[in-house]
């Protein structure tokens, strides 16, 4: 299962009768939510890691500007 979010904010300012200025901000994964790929399932007397995340899916890289 993967959890992804994106966010966009847009504001348009009216400058004149036929002229507008638009300002926008876009964000990918603004919450920085990690995706778990494996869980620890070891059960034993000394196992304190049972049920905890073992590894994560690699994060997407944003393209260079």
C-alpha atoms as a PDB file:
ATOM      1  CA  UNK A   1       0.000   0.000   0.000  1.00  0.00           C
ATOM      2  CA  UNK A   2       1.262   3.474  -0.832  1.00  0.00           C
ATOM      3  CA  UNK A   3       0.175   6.813   0.556  1.00  0.00           C
ATOM      4  CA  UNK A   4       0.874   9.900  -1.527  1.00  0.00           C
ATOM      5  CA  UNK A   5      -0.304  13.478  -1.304  1.00  0.00           C
ATOM      6  CA  UNK A   6       0.073  16.602  -3.360  1.00  0.00           C
ATOM      7  CA  UNK A   7      -0.899  20.179  -2.659  1.00  0.00           C
ATOM      8  CA  UNK A   8      -1.602  23.181  -4.885  1.00  0.00           C
ATOM      9  CA  UNK A   9      -2.371  26.770  -3.901  1.00  0.00           C
ATOM     10  CA  UNK A  10      -3.476  29.246  -6.558  1.00  0.00           C
ATOM     11  CA  UNK A  11      -4.257  32.960  -6.317  1.00  0.00           C
ATOM     12  CA  UNK A  12      -5.211  35.296  -9.171  1.00  0.00           C
ATOM     13  CA  UNK A  13      -4.841  39.058  -8.814  1.00  0.00           C
ATOM     14  CA  UNK A  14      -6.714  41.409 -11.134  1.00  0.00           C
ATOM     15  CA  UNK A  15      -4.391  44.204 -12.309  1.00  0.00           C
ATOM     16  CA  UNK A  16      -6.517  45.947 -14.916  1.00  0.00           C
ATOM     17  CA  UNK A  17      -9.673  45.356 -16.931  1.00  0.00           C
ATOM     18  CA  UNK A  18      -8.115  42.588 -19.079  1.00  0.00           C
ATOM     19  CA  UNK A  19      -4.902  41.823 -17.195  1.00  0.00           C
ATOM     20  CA  UNK A  20      -4.437  39.267 -14.423  1.00  0.00           C
ATOM     21  CA  UNK A  21      -1.463  38.023 -12.445  1.00  0.00           C
ATOM     22  CA  UNK A  22      -1.588  34.405 -11.251  1.00  0.00           C
ATOM     23  CA  UNK A  23       0.565  33.084  -8.414  1.00  0.00           C
ATOM     24  CA  UNK A  24       0.721  29.338  -7.725  1.00  0.00           C
ATOM     25  CA  UNK A  25       2.610  26.986  -5.401  1.00  0.00           C
ATOM     26  CA  UNK A  26       2.793  23.208  -5.962  1.00  0.00           C
ATOM     27  CA  UNK A  27       4.122  20.635  -3.489  1.00  0.00           C
ATOM     28  CA  UNK A  28       4.583  16.875  -3.842  1.00  0.00           C
ATOM     29  CA  UNK A  29       4.382  14.866  -0.600  1.00  0.00           C
ATOM     30  CA  UNK A  30       4.126  17.957   1.659  1.00  0.00           C
ATOM     31  CA  UNK A  31       3.583  15.777   4.738  1.00  0.00           C
ATOM     32  CA  UNK A  32       6.726  13.719   3.987  1.00  0.00           C
ATOM     33  CA  UNK A  33       4.835  10.514   4.771  1.00  0.00           C
ATOM     34  CA  UNK A  34       7.074   7.398   4.438  1.00  0.00           C
ATOM     35  CA  UNK A  35       5.786   4.176   2.823  1.00  0.00           C
ATOM     36  CA  UNK A  36       6.702   0.986   4.685  1.00  0.00           C
ATOM     37  CA  UNK A  37       7.714  -1.977   2.501  1.00  0.00           C
ATOM     38  CA  UNK A  38       8.345  -4.598   5.228  1.00  0.00           C
ATOM     39  CA  UNK A  39       7.353  -5.139   8.852  1.00  0.00           C
ATOM     40  CA  UNK A  40       9.314  -7.030  11.486  1.00  0.00           C
ATOM     41  CA  UNK A  41       7.590 -10.358  12.177  1.00  0.00           C
ATOM     42  CA  UNK A  42      10.187 -11.996  14.452  1.00  0.00           C
ATOM     43  CA  UNK A  43       8.640 -13.397  17.632  1.00  0.00           C
ATOM     44  CA  UNK A  44      11.002 -14.446  20.381  1.00  0.00           C
ATOM     45  CA  UNK A  45      11.957 -13.895  23.991  1.00  0.00           C
ATOM     46  CA  UNK A  46      14.440 -11.091  23.174  1.00  0.00           C
ATOM     47  CA  UNK A  47      12.563  -9.622  20.193  1.00  0.00           C
ATOM     48  CA  UNK A  48      11.690  -5.996  20.958  1.00  0.00           C
ATOM     49  CA  UNK A  49      11.173  -5.052  17.287  1.00  0.00           C
ATOM     50  CA  UNK A  50       8.005  -7.090  16.553  1.00  0.00           C
ATOM     51  CA  UNK A  51       5.460  -5.075  14.574  1.00  0.00           C
ATOM     52  CA  UNK A  52       7.830  -2.195  13.827  1.00  0.00           C
ATOM     53  CA  UNK A  53       8.805  -1.094  10.292  1.00  0.00           C
ATOM     54  CA  UNK A  54      11.821  -2.968   8.944  1.00  0.00           C
ATOM     55  CA  UNK A  55      12.366  -1.115   5.638  1.00  0.00           C
ATOM     56  CA  UNK A  56      10.835   1.687   3.624  1.00  0.00           C
ATOM     57  CA  UNK A  57      10.097   2.286  -0.066  1.00  0.00           C
ATOM     58  CA  UNK A  58      12.649   4.658  -1.587  1.00  0.00           C
ATOM     59  CA  UNK A  59      11.385   8.203  -1.915  1.00  0.00           C
ATOM     60  CA  UNK A  60      10.768   9.725  -5.316  1.00  0.00           C
ATOM     61  CA  UNK A  61      13.394  12.194  -6.433  1.00  0.00           C
ATOM     62  CA  UNK A  62      12.223  15.534  -7.727  1.00  0.00           C
ATOM     63  CA  UNK A  63      13.634  16.581 -11.100  1.00  0.00           C
ATOM     64  CA  UNK A  64      16.412  19.184 -11.025  1.00  0.00           C
ATOM     65  CA  UNK A  65      15.329  22.746 -11.617  1.00  0.00           C
END
